[in-house]
Amino acid sequence: MKLLLTILLIAFVVLFLVNMILGRIWGFYQPLKWTSGGETTLVAELAILVFISSCLLGVIWNSEISALCVIFALPAAMISYISEGRARKRFLLKEAELYEANKKEHPGIFDTLPPERLDDFDDEIFDLYDAGIATYLGTISREDLKILIDRFELDGEQGPNDIFVFHEMVELAKEAGISDELESLLFQALEKRDYLYLRWIPRQVSLN
């Protein structure tokens, strides 16, 4: 049984390596994404593969080769950790550059704090931006906006503006009653980004 599991593990590693290397050469491979931001490099993925393989081999063979597995797993874990840190720095730098470039296209929108009280405005339609990279997303109705604010303020960690959302949160908002139009708008924006910071602005202010 141990030998069979080892063969299956080796087959998985070989297939993953072929896909990872040839995929990069031919352009069809999509790098993994770190949860902290940024994409993995070839070195990082090799380190992750070594770490996981070493741990699995240690489980399969118990104490028979555990020392050898640790020798490979620890450096691999360290390389992965360093790679993740570098990827996050690159990611944050890219985000900052994108924000500054996009910000120039929307003067006044991101130079001051956003409004916080929806009741201060009589507008039925508001402009919606991603405050993370200063891009215009489209418009949002007052009804949809109120649903978003009410739904996510319940969590206690969100304010009434610059609302942080990702895929699962859009699904929660849909359950709370947002329109199909807003759901489509948000999912379309999330095809390019893993998360959004939704900033709403009254249209007459946004258009100035």
C-alpha atoms as a PDB file:
ATOM      1  CA  MET A   1       0.000   0.000   0.000  1.00  0.00           C
ATOM      2  CA  LYS A   2       2.821   2.403   0.876  1.00  0.00           C
ATOM      3  CA  LEU A   3       4.539   1.686  -2.434  1.00  0.00           C
ATOM      4  CA  LEU A   4       1.319   2.288  -4.371  1.00  0.00           C
ATOM      5  CA  LEU A   5       0.712   5.622  -2.625  1.00  0.00           C
ATOM      6  CA  THR A   6       4.306   6.650  -3.294  1.00  0.00           C
ATOM      7  CA  ILE A   7       3.941   5.825  -7.010  1.00  0.00           C
ATOM      8  CA  LEU A   8       0.733   7.847  -7.194  1.00  0.00           C
ATOM      9  CA  LEU A   9       2.441  10.774  -5.467  1.00  0.00           C
ATOM     10  CA  ILE A  10       5.386  10.630  -7.887  1.00  0.00           C
ATOM     11  CA  ALA A  11       2.975  10.520 -10.846  1.00  0.00           C
ATOM     12  CA  PHE A  12       1.154  13.588  -9.498  1.00  0.00           C
ATOM     13  CA  VAL A  13       4.427  15.478  -9.033  1.00  0.00           C
ATOM     14  CA  VAL A  14       5.578  14.649 -12.570  1.00  0.00           C
ATOM     15  CA  LEU A  15       2.270  15.703 -14.120  1.00  0.00           C
ATOM     16  CA  PHE A  16       2.239  18.934 -12.132  1.00  0.00           C
ATOM     17  CA  LEU A  17       5.809  19.724 -13.176  1.00  0.00           C
ATOM     18  CA  VAL A  18       5.046  19.079 -16.842  1.00  0.00           C
ATOM     19  CA  ASN A  19       1.949  21.264 -16.678  1.00  0.00           C
ATOM     20  CA  MET A  20       3.752  24.006 -14.755  1.00  0.00           C
ATOM     21  CA  ILE A  21       6.829  24.194 -16.998  1.00  0.00           C
ATOM     22  CA  LEU A  22       5.320  23.527 -20.432  1.00  0.00           C
ATOM     23  CA  GLY A  23       2.318  25.668 -19.539  1.00  0.00           C
ATOM     24  CA  ARG A  24       4.584  28.634 -18.937  1.00  0.00           C
ATOM     25  CA  ILE A  25       6.443  28.010 -22.180  1.00  0.00           C
ATOM     26  CA  TRP A  26       3.290  27.740 -24.271  1.00  0.00           C
ATOM     27  CA  GLY A  27       1.330  30.373 -22.367  1.00  0.00           C
ATOM     28  CA  PHE A  28      -1.663  28.375 -21.093  1.00  0.00           C
ATOM     29  CA  TYR A  29      -0.599  28.016 -17.465  1.00  0.00           C
ATOM     30  CA  GLN A  30      -2.176  30.272 -14.844  1.00  0.00           C
ATOM     31  CA  PRO A  31       0.137  30.857 -11.852  1.00  0.00           C
ATOM     32  CA  LEU A  32      -1.265  30.286  -8.398  1.00  0.00           C
ATOM     33  CA  LYS A  33      -2.201  33.298  -6.285  1.00  0.00           C
ATOM     34  CA  TRP A  34      -0.990  34.014  -2.790  1.00  0.00           C
ATOM     35  CA  THR A  35      -3.750  34.859  -0.330  1.00  0.00           C
ATOM     36  CA  SER A  36      -1.745  37.936   0.689  1.00  0.00           C
ATOM     37  CA  GLY A  37      -1.651  39.199  -2.907  1.00  0.00           C
ATOM     38  CA  GLY A  38       0.398  38.559  -6.009  1.00  0.00           C
ATOM     39  CA  GLU A  39       1.130  35.482  -8.080  1.00  0.00           C
ATOM     40  CA  THR A  40       3.524  32.635  -7.468  1.00  0.00           C
ATOM     41  CA  THR A  41       6.752  32.276  -9.425  1.00  0.00           C
ATOM     42  CA  LEU A  42       8.190  29.044 -10.796  1.00  0.00           C
ATOM     43  CA  VAL A  43      10.629  28.884  -7.877  1.00  0.00           C
ATOM     44  CA  ALA A  44       7.829  29.374  -5.350  1.00  0.00           C
ATOM     45  CA  GLU A  45       5.684  26.659  -6.930  1.00  0.00           C
ATOM     46  CA  LEU A  46       8.613  24.235  -6.971  1.00  0.00           C
ATOM     47  CA  ALA A  47       9.193  24.959  -3.281  1.00  0.00           C
ATOM     48  CA  ILE A  48       5.505  24.406  -2.500  1.00  0.00           C
ATOM     49  CA  LEU A  49       5.574  21.157  -4.449  1.00  0.00           C
ATOM     50  CA  VAL A  50       8.665  19.939  -2.567  1.00  0.00           C
ATOM     51  CA  PHE A  51       7.122  20.889   0.783  1.00  0.00           C
ATOM     52  CA  ILE A  52       3.803  19.138   0.116  1.00  0.00           C
ATOM     53  CA  SER A  53       5.480  16.066  -1.387  1.00  0.00           C
ATOM     54  CA  SER A  54       7.880  15.777   1.541  1.00  0.00           C
ATOM     55  CA  CYS A  55       5.058  16.035   4.070  1.00  0.00           C
ATOM     56  CA  LEU A  56       2.969  13.430   2.236  1.00  0.00           C
ATOM     57  CA  LEU A  57       5.915  11.063   1.971  1.00  0.00           C
ATOM     58  CA  GLY A  58       6.487  11.478   5.697  1.00  0.00           C
ATOM     59  CA  VAL A  59       2.849  10.563   6.357  1.00  0.00           C
ATOM     60  CA  ILE A  60       2.953   7.570   4.006  1.00  0.00           C
ATOM     61  CA  TRP A  61       6.187   6.083   5.367  1.00  0.00           C
ATOM     62  CA  ASN A  62       5.765   7.233   8.975  1.00  0.00           C
ATOM     63  CA  SER A  63       9.073   7.334  10.835  1.00  0.00           C
ATOM     64  CA  GLU A  64      11.023   5.377   8.245  1.00  0.00           C
ATOM     65  CA  ILE A  65      12.082   8.435   6.221  1.00  0.00           C
ATOM     66  CA  SER A  66      10.714  11.259   8.368  1.00  0.00           C
ATOM     67  CA  ALA A  67      14.158  12.797   8.967  1.00  0.00           C
ATOM     68  CA  LEU A  68      14.818  12.938   5.226  1.00  0.00           C
ATOM     69  CA  CYS A  69      11.420  14.508   4.600  1.00  0.00           C
ATOM     70  CA  VAL A  70      12.119  17.218   7.183  1.00  0.00           C
ATOM     71  CA  ILE A  71      15.450  18.024   5.520  1.00  0.00           C
ATOM     72  CA  PHE A  72      13.618  18.814   2.272  1.00  0.00           C
ATOM     73  CA  ALA A  73      10.450  20.294   3.755  1.00  0.00           C
ATOM     74  CA  LEU A  74      11.991  22.982   5.972  1.00  0.00           C
ATOM     75  CA  PRO A  75      14.055  24.767   3.269  1.00  0.00           C
ATOM     76  CA  ALA A  76      11.101  24.503   0.901  1.00  0.00           C
ATOM     77  CA  ALA A  77       8.842  26.149   3.487  1.00  0.00           C
ATOM     78  CA  MET A  78      11.369  28.948   3.991  1.00  0.00           C
ATOM     79  CA  ILE A  79      11.679  29.559   0.230  1.00  0.00           C
ATOM     80  CA  SER A  80       7.890  29.657  -0.062  1.00  0.00           C
ATOM     81  CA  TYR A  81       7.640  32.172   2.783  1.00  0.00           C
ATOM     82  CA  ILE A  82      10.268  34.468   1.245  1.00  0.00           C
ATOM     83  CA  SER A  83       8.651  34.183  -2.200  1.00  0.00           C
ATOM     84  CA  GLU A  84       5.260  35.115  -0.779  1.00  0.00           C
ATOM     85  CA  GLY A  85       6.717  38.213   0.870  1.00  0.00           C
ATOM     86  CA  ARG A  86       8.365  39.341  -2.351  1.00  0.00           C
ATOM     87  CA  ALA A  87       5.203  38.674  -4.348  1.00  0.00           C
ATOM     88  CA  ARG A  88       3.184  40.781  -1.903  1.00  0.00           C
ATOM     89  CA  LYS A  89       5.638  43.680  -2.219  1.00  0.00           C
ATOM     90  CA  ARG A  90       5.398  43.536  -6.019  1.00  0.00           C
ATOM     91  CA  PHE A  91       1.628  43.334  -5.795  1.00  0.00           C
ATOM     92  CA  LEU A  92       1.314  46.341  -3.469  1.00  0.00           C
ATOM     93  CA  LEU A  93       3.681  48.398  -5.619  1.00  0.00           C
ATOM     94  CA  LYS A  94       1.661  47.600  -8.723  1.00  0.00           C
ATOM     95  CA  GLU A  95      -1.585  48.472  -6.927  1.00  0.00           C
ATOM     96  CA  ALA A  96      -0.151  51.806  -5.768  1.00  0.00           C
ATOM     97  CA  GLU A  97       1.058  52.690  -9.267  1.00  0.00           C
ATOM     98  CA  LEU A  98      -2.314  51.757 -10.755  1.00  0.00           C
ATOM     99  CA  TYR A  99      -4.150  53.796  -8.128  1.00  0.00           C
ATOM    100  CA  GLU A 100      -2.092  56.919  -8.786  1.00  0.00           C
ATOM    101  CA  ALA A 101      -2.509  56.594 -12.553  1.00  0.00           C
ATOM    102  CA  ASN A 102      -6.285  56.065 -12.370  1.00  0.00           C
ATOM    103  CA  LYS A 103      -6.771  58.741  -9.728  1.00  0.00           C
ATOM    104  CA  LYS A 104      -5.784  61.451 -12.232  1.00  0.00           C
ATOM    105  CA  GLU A 105      -8.764  60.509 -14.405  1.00  0.00           C
ATOM    106  CA  HIS A 106     -11.221  61.210 -11.555  1.00  0.00           C
ATOM    107  CA  PRO A 107     -10.178  64.518  -9.948  1.00  0.00           C
ATOM    108  CA  GLY A 108     -11.780  65.224  -6.604  1.00  0.00           C
ATOM    109  CA  ILE A 109     -13.217  61.744  -6.087  1.00  0.00           C
ATOM    110  CA  PHE A 110     -10.305  60.288  -4.163  1.00  0.00           C
ATOM    111  CA  ASP A 111      -8.790  63.489  -2.761  1.00  0.00           C
ATOM    112  CA  THR A 112     -11.230  63.708   0.145  1.00  0.00           C
ATOM    113  CA  LEU A 113     -13.025  61.317   2.458  1.00  0.00           C
ATOM    114  CA  PRO A 114     -16.153  59.743   0.928  1.00  0.00           C
ATOM    115  CA  PRO A 115     -19.668  60.532   2.208  1.00  0.00           C
ATOM    116  CA  GLU A 116     -20.884  58.380   5.075  1.00  0.00           C
ATOM    117  CA  ARG A 117     -24.609  59.105   5.397  1.00  0.00           C
ATOM    118  CA  LEU A 118     -26.843  57.982   2.566  1.00  0.00           C
ATOM    119  CA  ASP A 119     -29.737  59.925   4.112  1.00  0.00           C
ATOM    120  CA  ASP A 120     -27.877  63.190   3.435  1.00  0.00           C
ATOM    121  CA  PHE A 121     -28.656  62.802  -0.275  1.00  0.00           C
ATOM    122  CA  ASP A 122     -31.895  62.585  -2.234  1.00  0.00           C
ATOM    123  CA  ASP A 123     -30.317  60.937  -5.288  1.00  0.00           C
ATOM    124  CA  GLU A 124     -31.829  57.741  -6.634  1.00  0.00           C
ATOM    125  CA  ILE A 125     -28.721  56.865  -8.645  1.00  0.00           C
ATOM    126  CA  PHE A 126     -25.108  57.011  -7.435  1.00  0.00           C
ATOM    127  CA  ASP A 127     -21.767  56.508  -9.136  1.00  0.00           C
ATOM    128  CA  LEU A 128     -19.798  53.485  -8.008  1.00  0.00           C
ATOM    129  CA  TYR A 129     -15.992  53.232  -7.926  1.00  0.00           C
ATOM    130  CA  ASP A 130     -13.382  50.741  -6.842  1.00  0.00           C
ATOM    131  CA  ALA A 131     -11.436  52.824  -4.335  1.00  0.00           C
ATOM    132  CA  GLY A 132      -8.665  50.237  -4.260  1.00  0.00           C
ATOM    133  CA  ILE A 133      -7.359  51.225  -7.696  1.00  0.00           C
ATOM    134  CA  ALA A 134      -9.447  54.365  -8.321  1.00  0.00           C
ATOM    135  CA  THR A 135     -11.555  53.046 -11.199  1.00  0.00           C
ATOM    136  CA  TYR A 136     -15.137  53.791 -12.208  1.00  0.00           C
ATOM    137  CA  LEU A 137     -17.399  50.729 -12.145  1.00  0.00           C
ATOM    138  CA  GLY A 138     -20.792  52.130 -13.115  1.00  0.00           C
ATOM    139  CA  THR A 139     -23.933  53.263 -11.338  1.00  0.00           C
ATOM    140  CA  ILE A 140     -25.843  51.857  -8.401  1.00  0.00           C
ATOM    141  CA  SER A 141     -29.424  52.501  -7.362  1.00  0.00           C
ATOM    142  CA  ARG A 142     -30.288  53.886  -3.972  1.00  0.00           C
ATOM    143  CA  GLU A 143     -32.154  50.700  -3.124  1.00  0.00           C
ATOM    144  CA  ASP A 144     -29.166  48.487  -3.964  1.00  0.00           C
ATOM    145  CA  LEU A 145     -26.804  50.784  -2.106  1.00  0.00           C
ATOM    146  CA  LYS A 146     -28.950  50.705   1.022  1.00  0.00           C
ATOM    147  CA  ILE A 147     -29.008  46.902   0.894  1.00  0.00           C
ATOM    148  CA  LEU A 148     -25.211  46.778   0.632  1.00  0.00           C
ATOM    149  CA  ILE A 149     -24.695  49.193   3.507  1.00  0.00           C
ATOM    150  CA  ASP A 150     -27.242  47.529   5.771  1.00  0.00           C
ATOM    151  CA  ARG A 151     -25.981  44.019   4.996  1.00  0.00           C
ATOM    152  CA  PHE A 152     -22.287  44.599   5.603  1.00  0.00           C
ATOM    153  CA  GLU A 153     -22.535  47.089   8.451  1.00  0.00           C
ATOM    154  CA  LEU A 154     -24.053  44.191  10.375  1.00  0.00           C
ATOM    155  CA  ASP A 155     -20.611  42.565  10.413  1.00  0.00           C
ATOM    156  CA  GLY A 156     -19.326  45.394  12.594  1.00  0.00           C
ATOM    157  CA  GLU A 157     -16.109  45.741  10.610  1.00  0.00           C
ATOM    158  CA  GLN A 158     -17.379  47.811   7.672  1.00  0.00           C
ATOM    159  CA  GLY A 159     -18.395  51.423   7.397  1.00  0.00           C
ATOM    160  CA  PRO A 160     -21.084  52.860   5.109  1.00  0.00           C
ATOM    161  CA  ASN A 161     -18.593  53.597   2.317  1.00  0.00           C
ATOM    162  CA  ASP A 162     -15.487  52.025   0.777  1.00  0.00           C
ATOM    163  CA  ILE A 163     -17.235  48.698   1.292  1.00  0.00           C
ATOM    164  CA  PHE A 164     -14.906  45.722   0.972  1.00  0.00           C
ATOM    165  CA  VAL A 165     -16.385  42.875  -1.111  1.00  0.00           C
ATOM    166  CA  PHE A 166     -15.239  39.682  -2.786  1.00  0.00           C
ATOM    167  CA  HIS A 167     -17.056  36.890  -4.616  1.00  0.00           C
ATOM    168  CA  GLU A 168     -18.676  35.263  -1.608  1.00  0.00           C
ATOM    169  CA  MET A 169     -19.815  38.622  -0.250  1.00  0.00           C
ATOM    170  CA  VAL A 170     -21.559  39.438  -3.531  1.00  0.00           C
ATOM    171  CA  GLU A 171     -23.468  36.181  -3.136  1.00  0.00           C
ATOM    172  CA  LEU A 172     -24.459  37.238   0.381  1.00  0.00           C
ATOM    173  CA  ALA A 173     -25.598  40.601  -0.969  1.00  0.00           C
ATOM    174  CA  LYS A 174     -27.663  38.795  -3.608  1.00  0.00           C
ATOM    175  CA  GLU A 175     -29.372  36.815  -0.862  1.00  0.00           C
ATOM    176  CA  ALA A 176     -30.082  40.128   0.879  1.00  0.00           C
ATOM    177  CA  GLY A 177     -31.868  41.396  -2.236  1.00  0.00           C
ATOM    178  CA  ILE A 178     -29.550  43.369  -4.548  1.00  0.00           C
ATOM    179  CA  SER A 179     -30.622  43.568  -8.186  1.00  0.00           C
ATOM    180  CA  ASP A 180     -29.408  41.304 -10.974  1.00  0.00           C
ATOM    181  CA  GLU A 181     -27.826  44.366 -12.607  1.00  0.00           C
ATOM    182  CA  LEU A 182     -25.631  45.131  -9.591  1.00  0.00           C
ATOM    183  CA  GLU A 183     -24.733  41.469  -9.146  1.00  0.00           C
ATOM    184  CA  SER A 184     -23.607  41.310 -12.783  1.00  0.00           C
ATOM    185  CA  LEU A 185     -21.651  44.569 -12.455  1.00  0.00           C
ATOM    186  CA  LEU A 186     -19.774  43.352  -9.379  1.00  0.00           C
ATOM    187  CA  PHE A 187     -18.998  39.895 -10.739  1.00  0.00           C
ATOM    188  CA  GLN A 188     -17.738  41.486 -13.964  1.00  0.00           C
ATOM    189  CA  ALA A 189     -15.375  43.693 -11.957  1.00  0.00           C
ATOM    190  CA  LEU A 190     -14.261  40.706  -9.879  1.00  0.00           C
ATOM    191  CA  GLU A 191     -13.170  38.863 -13.006  1.00  0.00           C
ATOM    192  CA  LYS A 192     -10.126  41.150 -13.038  1.00  0.00           C
ATOM    193  CA  ARG A 193      -9.611  41.547  -9.294  1.00  0.00           C
ATOM    194  CA  ASP A 194     -10.006  39.320  -6.248  1.00  0.00           C
ATOM    195  CA  TYR A 195     -11.720  42.031  -4.216  1.00  0.00           C
ATOM    196  CA  LEU A 196     -13.155  45.540  -4.484  1.00  0.00           C
ATOM    197  CA  TYR A 197     -13.500  48.595  -2.246  1.00  0.00           C
ATOM    198  CA  LEU A 198     -16.855  50.000  -3.304  1.00  0.00           C
ATOM    199  CA  ARG A 199     -17.014  53.780  -3.004  1.00  0.00           C
ATOM    200  CA  TRP A 200     -20.344  55.428  -3.772  1.00  0.00           C
ATOM    201  CA  ILE A 201     -20.550  59.091  -4.721  1.00  0.00           C
ATOM    202  CA  PRO A 202     -23.618  61.244  -5.533  1.00  0.00           C
ATOM    203  CA  ARG A 203     -23.708  61.710  -9.295  1.00  0.00           C
ATOM    204  CA  GLN A 204     -23.756  65.516  -9.288  1.00  0.00           C
ATOM    205  CA  VAL A 205     -20.608  65.481  -7.125  1.00  0.00           C
ATOM    206  CA  SER A 206     -18.938  62.759  -9.167  1.00  0.00           C
ATOM    207  CA  LEU A 207     -19.573  64.541 -12.457  1.00  0.00           C
ATOM    208  CA  ASN A 208     -18.012  67.831 -11.350  1.00  0.00           C
END
